[in-house]
Amino acid sequence: MSDLKTRFEQAVARSKQLPEKPDNMTLLKLYALYKQATAGDVEGKRPGFADLVGRAKHDAWAAVQGQSAETAMQGYIDLIESLE
């Protein structure tokens, strides 16, 4: 687990140095996997229509609900590697 966590933390650091900014859907996927890996399943109410960004983030995170932290970490690592 610690090796996976180390690789995950390295991927998070590398995400800030990607050659080009990913599109919004990819950014939402990265956000969702990061939150699932670090905080677990989404909690709280879904933001209202006025908060479009918050609503999109909530929906993306809810889409990966139920994944283990390890699965989410590996998914995040794989996605970052595909963007490099």
C-alpha atoms as a PDB file:
ATOM      1  CA  MET A   1       0.000   0.000   0.000  1.00  0.00           C
ATOM      2  CA  SER A   2       2.765   2.451   0.872  1.00  0.00           C
ATOM      3  CA  ASP A   3       4.341   1.994  -2.573  1.00  0.00           C
ATOM      4  CA  LEU A   4       0.993   2.786  -4.219  1.00  0.00           C
ATOM      5  CA  LYS A   5       0.536   5.809  -1.952  1.00  0.00           C
ATOM      6  CA  THR A   6       4.024   7.063  -2.843  1.00  0.00           C
ATOM      7  CA  ARG A   7       3.331   6.636  -6.574  1.00  0.00           C
ATOM      8  CA  PHE A   8      -0.024   8.408  -6.099  1.00  0.00           C
ATOM      9  CA  GLU A   9       1.619  11.369  -4.336  1.00  0.00           C
ATOM     10  CA  GLN A  10       4.214  11.571  -7.109  1.00  0.00           C
ATOM     11  CA  ALA A  11       1.436  11.555  -9.722  1.00  0.00           C
ATOM     12  CA  VAL A  12      -0.339  14.373  -7.869  1.00  0.00           C
ATOM     13  CA  ALA A  13       2.888  16.413  -7.960  1.00  0.00           C
ATOM     14  CA  ARG A  14       3.384  15.625 -11.676  1.00  0.00           C
ATOM     15  CA  SER A  15      -0.207  16.667 -12.434  1.00  0.00           C
ATOM     16  CA  LYS A  16       0.837  20.257 -11.826  1.00  0.00           C
ATOM     17  CA  GLN A  17       3.576  19.986 -14.475  1.00  0.00           C
ATOM     18  CA  LEU A  18       1.713  18.433 -17.395  1.00  0.00           C
ATOM     19  CA  PRO A  19       2.812  19.654 -20.842  1.00  0.00           C
ATOM     20  CA  GLU A  20      -0.666  21.053 -21.523  1.00  0.00           C
ATOM     21  CA  LYS A  21      -3.792  21.603 -19.477  1.00  0.00           C
ATOM     22  CA  PRO A  22      -6.233  18.688 -19.807  1.00  0.00           C
ATOM     23  CA  ASP A  23      -9.773  19.283 -21.047  1.00  0.00           C
ATOM     24  CA  ASN A  24     -12.556  19.845 -18.511  1.00  0.00           C
ATOM     25  CA  MET A  25     -13.844  16.261 -18.597  1.00  0.00           C
ATOM     26  CA  THR A  26     -10.358  14.928 -17.843  1.00  0.00           C
ATOM     27  CA  LEU A  27      -9.930  17.474 -15.049  1.00  0.00           C
ATOM     28  CA  LEU A  28     -13.239  16.326 -13.535  1.00  0.00           C
ATOM     29  CA  LYS A  29     -12.099  12.685 -13.737  1.00  0.00           C
ATOM     30  CA  LEU A  30      -8.817  13.583 -12.017  1.00  0.00           C
ATOM     31  CA  TYR A  31     -10.725  15.483  -9.333  1.00  0.00           C
ATOM     32  CA  ALA A  32     -13.120  12.589  -8.752  1.00  0.00           C
ATOM     33  CA  LEU A  33     -10.351   9.986  -8.494  1.00  0.00           C
ATOM     34  CA  TYR A  34      -8.316  12.225  -6.174  1.00  0.00           C
ATOM     35  CA  LYS A  35     -11.272  12.840  -3.864  1.00  0.00           C
ATOM     36  CA  GLN A  36     -12.255   9.157  -3.846  1.00  0.00           C
ATOM     37  CA  ALA A  37      -8.656   8.163  -3.041  1.00  0.00           C
ATOM     38  CA  THR A  38      -8.214  10.717  -0.271  1.00  0.00           C
ATOM     39  CA  ALA A  39     -11.705  11.212   1.216  1.00  0.00           C
ATOM     40  CA  GLY A  40     -13.775   8.167   0.229  1.00  0.00           C
ATOM     41  CA  ASP A  41     -17.334   8.251  -1.051  1.00  0.00           C
ATOM     42  CA  VAL A  42     -18.988  11.592  -1.788  1.00  0.00           C
ATOM     43  CA  GLU A  43     -21.046  13.070   1.039  1.00  0.00           C
ATOM     44  CA  GLY A  44     -23.413  15.986   1.336  1.00  0.00           C
ATOM     45  CA  LYS A  45     -26.120  17.326  -0.868  1.00  0.00           C
ATOM     46  CA  ARG A  46     -25.696  17.891  -4.585  1.00  0.00           C
ATOM     47  CA  PRO A  47     -25.173  21.614  -5.272  1.00  0.00           C
ATOM     48  CA  GLY A  48     -28.024  23.491  -6.925  1.00  0.00           C
ATOM     49  CA  PHE A  49     -28.325  24.652 -10.524  1.00  0.00           C
ATOM     50  CA  ALA A  50     -26.647  27.984  -9.768  1.00  0.00           C
ATOM     51  CA  ASP A  51     -23.389  26.256  -8.805  1.00  0.00           C
ATOM     52  CA  LEU A  52     -22.487  24.619 -12.106  1.00  0.00           C
ATOM     53  CA  VAL A  53     -18.865  23.871 -11.198  1.00  0.00           C
ATOM     54  CA  GLY A  54     -19.757  22.443  -7.792  1.00  0.00           C
ATOM     55  CA  ARG A  55     -22.495  20.354  -9.348  1.00  0.00           C
ATOM     56  CA  ALA A  56     -20.149  18.955 -12.018  1.00  0.00           C
ATOM     57  CA  LYS A  57     -17.530  18.093  -9.395  1.00  0.00           C
ATOM     58  CA  HIS A  58     -20.121  16.419  -7.177  1.00  0.00           C
ATOM     59  CA  ASP A  59     -21.483  14.378 -10.096  1.00  0.00           C
ATOM     60  CA  ALA A  60     -17.993  13.296 -11.194  1.00  0.00           C
ATOM     61  CA  TRP A  61     -17.100  12.214  -7.655  1.00  0.00           C
ATOM     62  CA  ALA A  62     -20.424  10.386  -7.263  1.00  0.00           C
ATOM     63  CA  ALA A  63     -19.657   8.478 -10.487  1.00  0.00           C
ATOM     64  CA  VAL A  64     -16.681   6.742  -8.822  1.00  0.00           C
ATOM     65  CA  GLN A  65     -18.481   6.124  -5.527  1.00  0.00           C
ATOM     66  CA  GLY A  66     -17.806   2.670  -4.125  1.00  0.00           C
ATOM     67  CA  GLN A  67     -14.281   2.393  -5.508  1.00  0.00           C
ATOM     68  CA  SER A  68     -11.618   1.520  -2.973  1.00  0.00           C
ATOM     69  CA  ALA A  69      -8.946   4.109  -2.239  1.00  0.00           C
ATOM     70  CA  GLU A  70      -6.386   1.817  -3.869  1.00  0.00           C
ATOM     71  CA  THR A  71      -8.408   1.492  -7.080  1.00  0.00           C
ATOM     72  CA  ALA A  72      -8.917   5.264  -7.237  1.00  0.00           C
ATOM     73  CA  MET A  73      -5.205   5.899  -6.634  1.00  0.00           C
ATOM     74  CA  GLN A  74      -4.244   3.501  -9.429  1.00  0.00           C
ATOM     75  CA  GLY A  75      -6.795   5.102 -11.748  1.00  0.00           C
ATOM     76  CA  TYR A  76      -5.364   8.553 -10.985  1.00  0.00           C
ATOM     77  CA  ILE A  77      -1.797   7.329 -11.619  1.00  0.00           C
ATOM     78  CA  ASP A  78      -2.814   5.707 -14.915  1.00  0.00           C
ATOM     79  CA  LEU A  79      -4.625   8.837 -16.091  1.00  0.00           C
ATOM     80  CA  ILE A  80      -1.683  11.118 -15.264  1.00  0.00           C
ATOM     81  CA  GLU A  81       0.714   8.762 -17.075  1.00  0.00           C
ATOM     82  CA  SER A  82      -1.527   8.842 -20.150  1.00  0.00           C
ATOM     83  CA  LEU A  83      -1.390  12.671 -20.148  1.00  0.00           C
ATOM     84  CA  GLU A  84       2.381  12.962 -19.851  1.00  0.00           C
END
